[in-house]
Protein backbone atom coordinates (compact mmCIF):
# COMPACT_ATOMS: atom_id res chain seq x y z
CA MET A 1 105.98 -53.86 -27.91
CA ASN A 2 102.33 -52.64 -28.10
CA ASN A 3 100.80 -48.93 -27.15
CA ARG A 4 99.13 -50.85 -23.90
CA LEU A 5 102.45 -52.23 -22.58
CA GLN A 6 104.28 -49.16 -22.93
CA ALA A 7 101.81 -47.34 -21.48
CA TRP A 8 102.17 -49.47 -18.78
CA PRO A 9 103.81 -47.60 -15.35
CA GLY A 10 107.33 -46.23 -16.37
CA THR A 11 108.98 -47.56 -13.76
CA GLY A 12 108.22 -50.83 -14.61
CA LYS A 13 110.06 -50.09 -18.02
CA TRP A 14 113.31 -49.62 -16.23
CA ILE A 15 113.85 -46.95 -13.30
CA ALA A 16 117.20 -46.91 -14.19
CA ARG A 17 116.46 -45.72 -17.49
CA ARG A 18 115.33 -43.24 -15.23
CA LEU A 19 111.65 -42.58 -13.82
CA ALA A 20 112.58 -39.17 -15.53
CA THR A 21 113.27 -41.17 -18.84
CA CYS A 22 109.80 -40.32 -20.28
CA LEU A 23 110.40 -36.57 -19.53
CA LEU A 24 113.70 -36.54 -21.02
CA PHE A 25 112.48 -38.19 -24.34
CA LEU A 26 109.65 -35.63 -24.64
CA PHE A 27 112.02 -33.12 -24.64
CA LEU A 28 113.96 -34.57 -27.10
CA ALA A 29 110.70 -34.83 -29.49
CA CYS A 30 110.91 -30.82 -29.40
CA ALA A 31 113.74 -29.03 -31.05
CA LEU A 32 112.98 -25.14 -29.91
CA THR A 33 115.48 -22.97 -30.75
CA PRO A 34 116.17 -20.99 -27.49
CA THR A 35 117.32 -17.26 -26.93
CA SER A 36 119.37 -15.58 -24.84
CA TRP A 37 118.69 -16.66 -21.35
CA ALA A 38 119.35 -16.22 -17.66
CA ALA A 39 120.57 -18.99 -16.32
CA PRO A 40 119.49 -19.59 -12.77
CA ALA A 41 121.04 -21.97 -10.20
CA HIS A 42 119.29 -24.27 -8.04
CA VAL A 43 120.53 -25.27 -4.15
CA ASP A 44 121.65 -28.51 -4.14
CA GLU A 45 122.07 -29.36 -0.51
CA VAL A 46 121.08 -27.42 2.37
CA HIS A 47 122.37 -27.69 6.05
CA GLY A 48 120.80 -25.59 9.23
CA ASP A 49 119.73 -21.98 8.99
CA VAL A 50 119.69 -20.91 5.28
CA GLN A 51 117.62 -18.30 3.81
CA LYS A 52 117.36 -16.02 0.46
CA ARG A 53 116.40 -12.91 -0.87
CA ALA A 54 115.12 -12.26 -3.52
CA VAL A 55 115.65 -9.15 -6.02
CA GLY A 56 113.48 -6.39 -4.90
CA ALA A 57 112.31 -8.38 -2.08
CA LEU A 58 112.93 -7.03 1.92
CA ARG A 59 112.18 -10.10 3.74
CA TRP A 60 114.43 -13.19 4.14
CA GLU A 61 113.07 -16.67 2.93
CA THR A 62 113.70 -19.97 4.18
CA MET A 63 115.74 -22.36 1.51
CA THR A 64 114.69 -26.06 0.46
CA PRO A 65 116.79 -28.64 -1.79
CA GLY A 66 116.05 -27.86 -5.36
CA GLU A 67 114.71 -24.35 -4.85
CA LYS A 68 115.79 -21.66 -7.48
CA VAL A 69 118.68 -18.83 -7.04
CA GLU A 70 117.71 -16.21 -9.26
CA GLU A 71 120.16 -13.84 -10.73
CA GLY A 72 120.51 -11.02 -8.59
CA ALA A 73 119.93 -13.20 -5.33
CA ALA A 74 121.41 -12.94 -1.84
CA ILE A 75 121.44 -15.54 0.68
CA LYS A 76 123.04 -15.97 4.03
CA THR A 77 123.69 -18.66 5.84
CA GLY A 78 123.75 -19.11 10.38
CA PRO A 79 126.03 -20.41 12.55
CA ASP A 80 127.18 -24.25 12.04
CA SER A 81 125.03 -24.08 8.46
CA ASP A 82 126.01 -24.51 4.92
CA VAL A 83 124.74 -24.61 1.49
CA GLU A 84 125.63 -26.04 -1.89
CA ILE A 85 125.04 -23.79 -5.12
CA VAL A 86 125.22 -25.06 -8.31
CA THR A 87 124.58 -23.03 -12.03
CA GLU A 88 123.33 -24.33 -15.16
CA GLN A 89 126.56 -24.84 -15.84
CA GLY A 90 127.96 -27.10 -13.53
CA HIS A 91 129.54 -24.65 -10.99
CA ARG A 92 129.66 -25.63 -7.88
CA PHE A 93 129.39 -22.74 -4.71
CA THR A 94 129.84 -24.32 -1.11
CA VAL A 95 128.59 -21.28 1.27
CA HIS A 96 129.97 -22.09 4.81
CA SER A 97 128.49 -20.48 8.15
CA GLU A 98 127.68 -17.04 9.04
CA THR A 99 128.27 -15.87 5.23
CA THR A 100 126.42 -13.57 2.82
CA ILE A 101 127.04 -13.74 -0.54
CA GLU A 102 124.99 -11.74 -3.93
CA PHE A 103 124.72 -13.75 -7.33
CA THR A 104 125.04 -10.78 -8.90
CA THR A 105 125.13 -11.70 -12.55
CA LEU A 106 124.02 -15.51 -13.82
CA GLN A 107 124.77 -15.82 -17.36
CA ALA A 108 125.29 -18.57 -19.73
CA ASP A 109 128.41 -16.63 -20.46
CA GLU A 110 129.34 -15.52 -17.39
CA THR A 111 128.86 -15.64 -13.36
CA VAL A 112 129.88 -13.59 -10.84
CA ALA A 113 129.51 -13.50 -7.15
CA ARG A 114 129.96 -10.86 -4.47
CA LEU A 115 130.57 -12.42 -1.16
CA GLU A 116 130.00 -9.79 1.47
CA ALA A 117 131.47 -12.16 4.37
CA GLY A 118 132.21 -15.35 5.18
CA ARG A 119 133.76 -18.01 3.65
CA VAL A 120 132.37 -19.75 -0.22
CA VAL A 121 134.20 -22.70 -2.28
CA SER A 122 134.23 -22.25 -5.37
CA LYS A 123 134.60 -25.33 -8.36
CA VAL A 124 134.25 -23.99 -11.77
CA GLN A 125 134.12 -26.42 -14.40
CA LYS A 126 136.04 -25.41 -17.64
CA LEU A 127 135.06 -22.58 -19.43
CA LYS A 128 135.06 -22.00 -23.41
CA GLU A 129 137.03 -19.48 -24.62
CA ALA A 130 134.10 -16.14 -24.05
CA GLN A 131 133.29 -17.62 -20.92
CA ARG A 132 134.27 -15.82 -17.50
CA PHE A 133 133.96 -16.69 -13.61
CA SER A 134 134.63 -14.50 -10.61
CA VAL A 135 134.29 -13.92 -7.39
CA GLN A 136 133.74 -10.13 -5.59
CA THR A 137 134.30 -9.25 -2.13
CA PRO A 138 134.79 -5.18 -0.70
CA THR A 139 138.47 -5.81 -1.24
CA ALA A 140 139.18 -8.09 -4.09
CA VAL A 141 138.36 -9.67 -7.52
CA CYS A 142 139.18 -13.33 -8.24
CA ALA A 143 138.72 -14.46 -11.76
CA VAL A 144 139.61 -17.69 -12.87
CA ARG A 145 139.42 -20.32 -15.76
CA GLY A 146 138.40 -23.85 -14.38
CA THR A 147 139.37 -24.01 -10.89
CA GLU A 148 138.61 -24.84 -7.25
CA PHE A 149 139.30 -21.88 -4.85
CA ASP A 150 138.66 -21.20 -1.39
CA THR A 151 137.87 -17.44 -0.59
CA VAL A 152 137.30 -15.56 2.38
CA SER A 153 135.81 -11.74 3.26
CA GLY A 154 136.45 -10.18 6.52
CA GLN A 155 137.56 -7.22 8.07
CA ALA A 156 141.17 -7.94 7.44
CA GLY A 157 140.41 -8.00 3.99
CA THR A 158 140.39 -11.61 1.62
CA PHE A 159 142.59 -14.74 1.74
CA VAL A 160 142.15 -16.92 -1.27
CA SER A 161 143.64 -20.60 -1.48
CA VAL A 162 143.46 -22.41 -4.83
CA TYR A 163 143.36 -26.17 -4.77
CA HIS A 164 143.44 -26.73 -8.66
CA GLY A 165 144.08 -24.61 -11.81
CA VAL A 166 145.16 -20.71 -11.46
CA VAL A 167 143.11 -17.89 -10.34
CA GLY A 168 143.79 -14.29 -11.22
CA VAL A 169 143.75 -11.56 -8.05
CA SER A 170 143.30 -7.97 -8.48
CA VAL A 171 142.81 -5.10 -5.47
CA LEU A 172 138.93 -4.21 -6.19
CA GLY A 173 138.97 -1.33 -9.04
CA SER A 174 142.44 -2.24 -9.94
CA HIS A 175 143.86 -4.02 -13.28
CA ASP A 176 146.61 -5.33 -11.91
CA GLU A 177 146.25 -8.95 -11.09
CA ILE A 178 148.46 -11.23 -9.19
CA ARG A 179 147.95 -15.05 -10.67
CA VAL A 180 147.98 -17.79 -7.66
CA PRO A 181 148.30 -21.42 -8.90
CA ALA A 182 147.49 -24.40 -7.23
CA GLY A 183 148.90 -24.93 -3.64
CA GLN A 184 149.09 -21.71 -3.22
CA MET A 185 146.91 -19.06 -1.75
CA THR A 186 147.42 -14.93 -1.15
CA SER A 187 145.69 -11.89 0.52
CA VAL A 188 144.50 -8.47 0.13
CA HIS A 189 144.80 -5.80 2.62
CA ASN A 190 144.77 -2.25 2.96
CA GLY A 191 145.11 -2.09 -1.37
CA LYS A 192 148.02 -4.59 -1.40
CA ILE A 193 147.87 -7.93 -2.89
CA GLU A 194 150.13 -10.64 -0.72
CA ILE A 195 153.26 -12.13 -2.99
CA PRO A 196 151.21 -16.23 -2.72
CA ARG A 197 152.99 -18.69 -0.72
CA VAL A 198 152.48 -22.47 -0.33
CA ILE A 199 148.94 -22.96 1.59
CA PRO A 200 149.69 -24.29 5.13
CA LYS A 201 149.47 -28.00 5.82
CA ASP A 202 146.61 -28.25 8.15
CA ARG A 203 144.75 -25.91 5.42
CA ARG A 204 144.78 -28.10 2.92
CA THR A 205 143.98 -30.80 5.41
CA VAL A 206 140.65 -29.14 5.89
CA GLN A 207 140.14 -29.23 2.25
CA ARG A 208 140.24 -32.85 1.77
CA GLU A 209 137.85 -32.92 4.84
CA ASN A 210 135.11 -30.72 3.03
CA ALA A 211 136.29 -32.97 -0.38
CA LEU A 212 134.78 -36.24 1.91
CA ALA A 213 132.12 -34.67 3.60
CA ARG A 214 129.38 -36.75 1.07
CA VAL A 215 131.25 -39.66 2.51
CA ALA A 216 130.83 -38.26 6.16
CA ARG A 217 127.14 -37.67 5.48
CA HIS A 218 127.18 -41.23 4.48
CA GLU A 219 125.26 -40.68 1.26
CA VAL A 220 125.77 -42.32 -2.10
CA GLY A 221 126.27 -38.96 -4.72
CA LEU A 222 128.03 -38.06 -8.01
CA ASP A 223 131.76 -36.58 -8.19
CA MET A 224 132.85 -40.06 -5.50
CA THR A 225 135.66 -42.25 -5.99
CA ARG A 226 134.85 -46.09 -5.93
CA THR A 227 136.45 -46.47 -2.21
CA GLN A 228 133.48 -43.29 -1.32
CA VAL A 229 130.88 -45.20 -3.23
CA ILE A 230 131.30 -48.49 -1.15
CA ALA A 231 131.92 -47.01 1.72
CA SER A 232 128.60 -44.99 1.65
CA ALA A 233 127.00 -47.44 0.28
CA ALA A 234 127.68 -49.59 3.13
CA MET A 235 126.27 -47.46 5.37
CA GLU A 236 123.45 -46.45 3.63
CA GLN A 237 122.39 -50.46 3.25
CA ARG A 238 122.19 -50.53 7.37
CA ARG A 239 118.87 -48.53 7.24
CA ALA A 240 117.70 -50.04 3.79
CA ASP A 241 114.00 -50.72 3.76
CA TYR A 242 114.82 -53.38 0.66
CA ARG A 243 117.94 -54.71 -0.29
CA GLU A 244 118.66 -57.71 -3.06
CA ARG A 245 121.94 -58.98 -4.43
CA LYS A 246 122.83 -61.05 -7.52
CA SER A 247 125.36 -62.03 -9.86
CA LEU A 248 125.39 -62.53 -13.43
CA ILE A 249 126.78 -62.20 -16.79
CA ASP A 250 126.02 -59.01 -18.67
CA VAL A 251 125.70 -58.65 -22.29
CA ASN A 252 129.00 -58.34 -23.13
CA GLY A 253 129.86 -61.67 -21.02
CA ASN A 254 131.66 -60.05 -18.37
CA ARG A 255 130.58 -61.17 -14.50
CA VAL A 256 128.78 -58.36 -13.04
CA ARG A 257 127.85 -58.58 -9.24
CA ILE A 258 124.61 -56.32 -8.33
CA GLU A 259 123.56 -54.80 -5.11
CA GLU A 260 120.36 -52.79 -4.74
CA TYR A 261 118.81 -51.30 -1.78
CA ILE A 262 116.10 -48.39 -1.31
CA VAL A 263 116.26 -46.22 1.90
CA ARG A 264 114.61 -43.13 3.34
CA PRO A 265 116.74 -40.22 3.46
CA ALA A 266 113.87 -37.74 4.71
CA PRO A 267 110.69 -38.95 6.34
CA ASN A 268 109.25 -37.85 2.86
CA GLN A 269 112.00 -39.17 0.82
CA PHE A 270 112.64 -42.85 -0.49
CA LYS A 271 116.53 -43.45 -2.78
CA LEU A 272 117.05 -46.32 -4.69
CA VAL A 273 120.58 -47.33 -5.20
CA VAL A 274 122.13 -49.84 -7.63
CA LEU A 275 125.92 -50.56 -7.37
CA ASP A 276 127.34 -53.23 -9.99
CA LYS A 277 131.07 -54.29 -9.59
CA ARG A 278 133.19 -55.62 -12.55
CA ASP A 279 136.81 -56.98 -11.74
CA THR A 280 137.59 -53.55 -13.27
CA ARG A 281 135.01 -51.18 -12.78
CA LEU A 282 132.61 -49.76 -10.65
CA ASP A 283 129.20 -48.60 -12.29
CA TYR A 284 126.46 -46.92 -9.90
CA PHE A 285 122.96 -45.83 -10.18
CA PHE A 286 120.70 -43.34 -7.55
CA TYR A 287 117.14 -42.02 -7.83
CA GLN A 288 115.88 -39.66 -4.91
CA GLY A 289 112.33 -38.61 -4.64
CA THR A 290 111.04 -36.08 -2.56
CA PHE A 291 107.10 -36.29 -1.83
CA ASN A 292 104.44 -33.85 -0.74
CA GLN A 293 103.89 -35.32 2.39
CA ASN A 294 105.80 -38.14 4.84
CA LEU A 295 105.51 -41.46 3.40
CA PRO A 296 104.01 -44.20 4.85
CA ALA A 297 105.41 -47.75 6.60
CA ASP A 298 104.63 -49.42 3.58
CA LEU A 299 106.60 -47.36 0.79
CA SER A 300 104.25 -49.47 -2.17
CA VAL A 301 101.36 -47.19 -0.84
CA ALA A 302 103.29 -44.14 -2.07
CA LEU A 303 105.33 -45.54 -4.79
CA LYS A 304 102.11 -47.11 -7.13
CA GLY A 305 101.02 -44.03 -8.31
CA LEU A 306 104.23 -42.59 -9.74
CA SER A 307 103.29 -43.45 -13.17
CA GLY A 308 99.80 -41.94 -12.60
CA THR A 309 96.23 -43.30 -10.63
CA LEU A 310 93.29 -43.41 -12.44
CA GLY A 311 89.98 -42.30 -10.55
CA SER A 312 87.93 -39.05 -9.64
CA SER A 313 89.99 -38.56 -6.76
CA ALA A 314 93.65 -37.39 -6.16
CA PRO A 315 96.25 -39.30 -5.03
CA THR A 316 97.63 -39.32 -1.94
CA TYR A 317 100.97 -39.05 -2.48
CA TYR A 318 102.94 -37.50 -5.09
CA LEU A 319 106.21 -36.26 -6.42
CA THR A 320 107.65 -32.79 -5.77
CA ALA A 321 111.24 -33.06 -6.92
CA TYR A 322 113.23 -36.03 -7.82
CA GLU A 323 117.22 -36.48 -8.76
CA MET A 324 118.55 -38.96 -11.21
CA GLY A 325 122.66 -39.66 -10.80
CA GLN A 326 124.29 -42.34 -12.48
CA SER A 327 128.35 -42.70 -12.95
CA ASN A 328 131.43 -44.97 -13.55
CA THR A 329 132.82 -43.04 -11.35
CA GLN A 330 134.95 -40.39 -13.65
CA ASP A 331 131.93 -39.65 -15.81
CA SER A 332 127.91 -38.84 -14.78
CA ILE A 333 124.60 -38.39 -16.00
CA HIS A 334 122.75 -36.13 -13.91
CA ASP A 335 118.96 -35.44 -14.11
CA SER A 336 116.87 -32.99 -11.55
CA ALA A 337 113.85 -31.61 -11.35
CA THR A 338 111.60 -29.64 -9.31
CA GLY A 339 108.00 -27.60 -8.90
CA GLY A 340 106.00 -31.73 -9.19
CA HIS A 341 102.27 -30.83 -8.88
CA LEU A 342 99.79 -32.99 -9.90
CA VAL A 343 97.91 -32.30 -12.96
CA GLN A 344 94.34 -33.51 -13.67
CA ILE A 345 93.62 -35.49 -17.16
CA SER A 346 89.70 -35.81 -18.07
CA VAL A 347 88.76 -37.40 -20.97
CA ASP A 348 85.75 -35.50 -22.97
CA ASN A 349 83.15 -37.20 -25.14
CA SER A 350 84.96 -36.34 -28.21
CA GLY A 351 88.25 -38.33 -26.70
CA ASN A 352 90.05 -35.17 -26.44
CA TYR A 353 91.98 -34.48 -22.84
CA VAL A 354 91.14 -31.46 -20.82
CA LEU A 355 94.01 -30.61 -18.37
CA THR A 356 93.49 -28.23 -14.72
CA ASP A 357 95.34 -27.58 -12.27
CA PRO A 358 93.65 -29.16 -9.08
CA THR A 359 95.22 -26.18 -6.62
CA ASN A 360 94.25 -23.74 -9.83
CA PRO A 361 91.19 -24.35 -11.62
CA SER A 362 91.40 -21.64 -14.40
CA ASN A 363 94.70 -22.66 -15.37
CA THR A 364 93.44 -25.52 -17.86
CA ARG A 365 93.57 -26.40 -21.63
CA THR A 366 92.07 -29.31 -23.92
CA ILE A 367 94.57 -31.24 -25.82
CA GLN A 368 92.89 -32.78 -28.95
CA ALA A 369 93.68 -36.33 -28.91
CA ALA A 370 94.96 -36.50 -32.77
CA GLN A 371 95.16 -33.72 -35.44
CA LEU A 372 96.36 -34.05 -39.05
CA GLN A 373 98.63 -33.01 -40.65
CA SER A 374 99.37 -31.47 -44.46
CA ASP A 375 101.14 -34.24 -45.62
CA GLY A 376 98.16 -36.75 -44.02
CA SER A 377 99.92 -37.90 -40.90
CA TYR A 378 98.47 -37.58 -37.57
CA LYS A 379 99.72 -35.42 -34.58
CA VAL A 380 99.15 -37.81 -31.77
CA TYR A 381 99.48 -36.48 -28.09
CA ASN A 382 100.13 -39.29 -25.17
CA PRO A 383 98.82 -38.18 -21.97
CA LEU A 384 100.89 -40.52 -19.92
CA ALA A 385 104.16 -39.51 -21.31
CA ASP A 386 103.18 -36.18 -21.79
CA SER A 387 104.18 -35.90 -25.43
CA PHE A 388 103.27 -35.73 -29.09
CA PHE A 389 104.29 -38.18 -31.80
CA SER A 390 103.43 -38.96 -35.67
CA VAL A 391 101.59 -42.09 -36.92
CA SER A 392 99.94 -42.52 -40.16
CA ALA A 393 96.24 -42.94 -40.73
CA ALA A 394 96.58 -46.72 -40.83
CA GLN A 395 97.90 -46.47 -37.40
CA LEU A 396 95.47 -44.17 -35.58
CA ALA A 397 93.51 -46.32 -33.99
CA SER A 398 95.97 -47.99 -31.88
CA SER A 399 98.04 -45.32 -31.23
CA THR A 400 95.46 -43.43 -29.87
CA LYS A 401 95.00 -45.99 -27.14
CA TYR A 402 96.46 -45.90 -23.67
CA GLY A 403 95.88 -49.38 -21.18
CA ILE A 404 95.99 -47.94 -18.02
CA TYR A 405 96.80 -50.78 -15.10
CA LEU A 406 94.43 -51.44 -11.77
CA PRO A 407 96.59 -52.48 -9.16
CA GLU A 408 93.77 -52.85 -7.26
CA ASN A 409 92.41 -55.55 -9.20
CA ASP A 410 95.33 -56.84 -11.55
CA THR A 411 93.89 -55.45 -15.12
CA PHE A 412 93.62 -53.39 -17.87
CA LYS A 413 91.40 -50.51 -18.75
CA ASP A 414 92.24 -48.60 -21.86
CA LEU A 415 91.58 -44.73 -20.71
CA ALA A 416 88.30 -43.36 -22.51
CA PRO A 417 85.59 -40.53 -22.08
CA GLY A 418 84.45 -40.31 -18.84
CA ASP A 419 87.52 -41.15 -17.39
CA THR A 420 90.21 -38.77 -15.01
CA LEU A 421 93.77 -39.64 -14.86
CA TRP A 422 96.10 -37.71 -12.45
CA GLU A 423 99.68 -37.62 -13.59
CA THR A 424 102.84 -35.56 -12.15
CA ARG A 425 104.53 -32.59 -13.84
CA PHE A 426 107.58 -30.51 -12.84
CA ASN A 427 108.20 -26.96 -13.47
CA LEU A 428 111.87 -26.93 -13.54
CA TYR A 429 114.03 -29.89 -14.88
CA THR A 430 117.48 -30.22 -15.80
CA HIS A 431 119.76 -32.56 -17.95
CA GLN A 432 123.51 -33.07 -17.49
CA VAL A 433 126.23 -34.95 -18.46
CA ASP A 434 129.82 -34.43 -16.97
CA ASN A 435 128.38 -31.30 -15.59
CA VAL A 436 127.49 -29.90 -18.48
CA THR A 437 123.60 -29.05 -18.59
CA LYS A 438 122.42 -30.47 -22.26
CA ILE A 439 118.87 -29.98 -21.78
CA ASN A 440 116.16 -27.69 -19.66
CA TYR A 441 113.24 -26.25 -19.26
CA ALA A 442 111.30 -23.86 -17.09
CA GLN A 443 107.84 -22.95 -16.66
CA THR A 444 107.16 -20.31 -18.85
CA ALA A 445 104.34 -18.29 -16.71
CA ALA A 446 103.37 -18.15 -12.96
CA ALA A 447 101.05 -21.17 -13.36
CA ASN A 448 102.04 -24.35 -12.89
CA VAL A 449 103.17 -26.84 -15.84
CA LEU A 450 100.25 -28.65 -17.51
CA ALA A 451 101.83 -29.69 -20.50
CA VAL A 452 105.57 -29.51 -21.10
CA ASN A 453 105.85 -28.94 -24.71
CA LEU A 454 103.62 -26.03 -24.22
CA ASP A 455 104.00 -24.56 -21.06
CA ALA A 456 107.91 -24.69 -20.54
CA THR A 457 110.61 -22.76 -22.63
CA PHE A 458 113.63 -25.41 -23.24
CA THR A 459 117.43 -24.53 -23.83
CA TYR A 460 119.28 -27.19 -25.68
CA ALA A 461 123.01 -27.32 -26.11
CA GLY A 462 124.24 -25.71 -29.18
CA GLY A 463 120.17 -24.88 -29.82
CA PHE A 464 118.84 -28.04 -30.37
CA VAL A 465 118.62 -31.83 -30.07
CA LEU A 466 117.73 -34.86 -32.74
CA PRO A 467 117.30 -37.91 -31.19
CA VAL A 468 117.65 -41.21 -33.36
CA SER A 469 116.42 -44.49 -32.30
CA LYS A 470 117.66 -48.17 -33.46
CA LEU A 471 115.49 -50.96 -32.60
CA ASP A 472 116.30 -54.90 -33.13
CA PRO A 473 113.87 -56.02 -34.65
CA ASN A 474 114.46 -59.63 -32.90
CA GLY A 475 115.24 -58.67 -29.38
CA ILE A 476 114.79 -56.21 -26.76
CA ASP A 477 117.66 -54.04 -27.53
CA GLU A 478 117.40 -50.56 -28.11
CA THR A 479 119.77 -47.72 -28.16
CA ILE A 480 118.46 -43.82 -28.56
CA THR A 481 121.39 -41.20 -29.52
CA ASN A 482 120.53 -37.44 -29.08
CA TYR A 483 122.67 -35.44 -31.19
CA TYR A 484 123.22 -31.75 -30.10
CA GLY A 485 123.09 -28.70 -31.88
CA ASP A 486 127.16 -28.19 -30.13
CA GLY A 487 128.13 -31.43 -31.86
CA THR A 488 128.21 -33.59 -29.04
CA PHE A 489 126.18 -36.97 -28.43
CA GLU A 490 124.92 -38.94 -25.74
CA SER A 491 123.79 -42.80 -26.75
CA TYR A 492 121.97 -44.93 -24.39
CA ARG A 493 121.60 -48.77 -25.63
CA THR A 494 119.27 -50.18 -22.85
CA VAL A 495 118.42 -54.41 -23.43
CA LEU A 496 116.50 -56.86 -21.45
CA ILE A 497 118.98 -59.90 -21.08
CA ASN A 498 118.76 -63.28 -18.80
CA ASP A 499 121.35 -64.19 -16.01
CA ASN A 500 123.63 -65.47 -18.77
CA GLY A 501 124.01 -62.57 -20.87
CA SER A 502 121.39 -63.58 -23.89
CA ILE A 503 119.08 -61.22 -25.24
CA ALA A 504 115.15 -61.44 -24.62
CA PRO A 505 113.15 -61.87 -27.76
CA GLN A 506 110.47 -59.73 -28.34
CA SER A 507 107.59 -62.40 -27.83
CA ILE A 508 108.36 -62.78 -24.25
CA PHE A 509 105.42 -60.14 -23.21
CA SER A 510 103.11 -61.62 -26.32
CA GLY A 511 99.63 -62.68 -24.32
CA VAL A 512 100.36 -60.67 -20.91
CA ALA A 513 97.32 -59.89 -19.72
CA THR A 514 97.62 -59.12 -16.12
CA GLY A 515 100.05 -57.46 -14.14
CA ALA A 516 101.08 -60.55 -12.29
CA GLN A 517 101.92 -62.10 -15.57
CA TYR A 518 104.28 -59.12 -16.42
CA LYS A 519 105.95 -59.29 -13.16
CA GLY A 520 106.35 -63.10 -12.54
CA GLU A 521 107.78 -62.73 -16.78
CA LEU A 522 110.08 -60.03 -15.89
CA LEU A 523 111.57 -61.73 -12.96
CA ASN A 524 113.66 -64.09 -15.29
CA TRP A 525 115.13 -60.78 -16.95
CA ASN A 526 117.76 -58.25 -15.84
CA TYR A 527 117.83 -54.70 -17.31
CA GLU A 528 121.15 -52.83 -18.87
CA GLN A 529 121.57 -49.51 -20.13
CA ILE A 530 125.10 -48.77 -21.40
CA VAL A 531 125.25 -44.78 -21.65
CA THR A 532 128.43 -43.27 -23.91
CA ALA A 533 128.96 -39.69 -24.62
CA SER A 534 131.11 -37.11 -26.38
CA GLU A 535 132.56 -36.07 -22.89
CA PHE A 536 133.26 -39.75 -21.67
CA GLN A 537 136.12 -39.84 -24.26
CA GLY A 538 135.77 -43.52 -25.27
CA ARG A 539 134.53 -44.30 -21.92
CA LYS A 540 130.73 -45.59 -21.09
CA ILE A 541 128.87 -46.25 -17.64
CA ASP A 542 127.64 -49.64 -17.78
CA LEU A 543 124.27 -50.77 -15.25
CA VAL A 544 123.09 -53.85 -14.64
CA VAL A 545 119.19 -53.98 -12.76
CA GLU A 546 117.41 -56.89 -11.41
CA PRO A 547 113.85 -56.19 -11.37
CA LYS A 548 113.12 -58.18 -7.79
CA ILE A 549 113.47 -54.74 -6.22
CA PHE A 550 111.41 -52.72 -8.08
CA ILE A 551 108.54 -55.46 -7.82
CA GLU A 552 109.38 -56.00 -3.75
CA SER A 553 108.78 -52.11 -3.14
CA GLY A 554 106.14 -51.60 -5.08
CA LEU A 555 107.92 -49.46 -7.93
CA ILE A 556 106.74 -52.50 -10.27
CA GLN A 557 102.57 -52.59 -9.88
């Protein structure tokens, strides 16, 4: 496709390729080598009264979903309240009500939490040889090697219940350790460790209920079984704003039934869910966006600006955070971003881009549209995707033209000197495969990110990532494989197919000049994305999406 179509709103090309995919591809274009780093955690879910005290601070502040939890921060929960904290390694802490906990160490090779009082359930990812994970209390130390366990600390001492794996429990200050296997519990009191015993049945029941908490809240998310996904989706669909169903043949000749719906989990959020049911498998996808204010009754009013807005006035609605997940009920891809804010992009008389933070006009930078390189090629900046790429001198003229779609009159306009474009950037982003962090970036300064490549620090699995793209010259069929420095990979094959599974030819969008023409043609086709990865061990996530719901909701203008 030419740049005009590529620059059309990213949501129109494949939202299940993640509204965040433009960010991911941007990251893959930069192979920055990370140094050692402290790995902040973040808040995944909050219920009730949950507060955080930062390092060196005296005051406790109310916590919100997506918020960072820095090394040394303390968290406390009120009555009937809880919070889930996820580290960069994918370790998950479920902090229950009336609990105080401090995250004393959050490093790539070591995670240490100090439970002052209360209860926390720790779900630990498999650790590498040099990695360590422990929960300390005033009376005990619980060290693990990839497990799930429950720790309670109080005046009576410390109680530890192990649900998966093995936990080494020792008296604080002692090197003598007792290994507690799955299905057993122990306690530490008055400097002594109880001989491990079987967890009572009623306590095991409580743990199972905790594991099913997502179903009780009727929310489709990751780490759910097929039964849980279907049950949660059935509840969510009862309050859906938009809903579509369809059966078709996928690119591999298998029949798949698609269910798609959009709901509003909160007044300032929308959530898209796609379920693909085949005879032998279930694949699903969700994308949840959080906006700067409550959404209007007509979602399309807010959604139409997701891929950028042209004009002198800032858009009323913009994303402040998002979460994307896709799974086959065994493997998963998970993206999350927080710190969303608007960036004003003005085109000066030379055709260069002036990026400004409207909340802090002193935070600004100018980026040349094209820079000549020593080998005769040009480094070109794409303000829509916020990325750099290289082209030859012969390709320069067409590569620096970006067609902006104007939904109010159903036309295109090339971005030109004097124009102002508004885009959303994020200050923190994480990309995970099976709960293993592959890509992470965070802003390098207190100021908001203007251009991610220039204003953020990246971390990659193994230190770098190498993207390799393969295009089918005859059909709309593209495969992008990301090779990481630790020897792992992930691969995304995205195709456009009809209801019989045949791949669309490259010519289908030839001559498209309006949004109406684009949407009319797109309704004849379906998106399919097949994901494989080292962690999947030969398995795949295979998602098919019908574009109709995107058009009806306003995700595609």
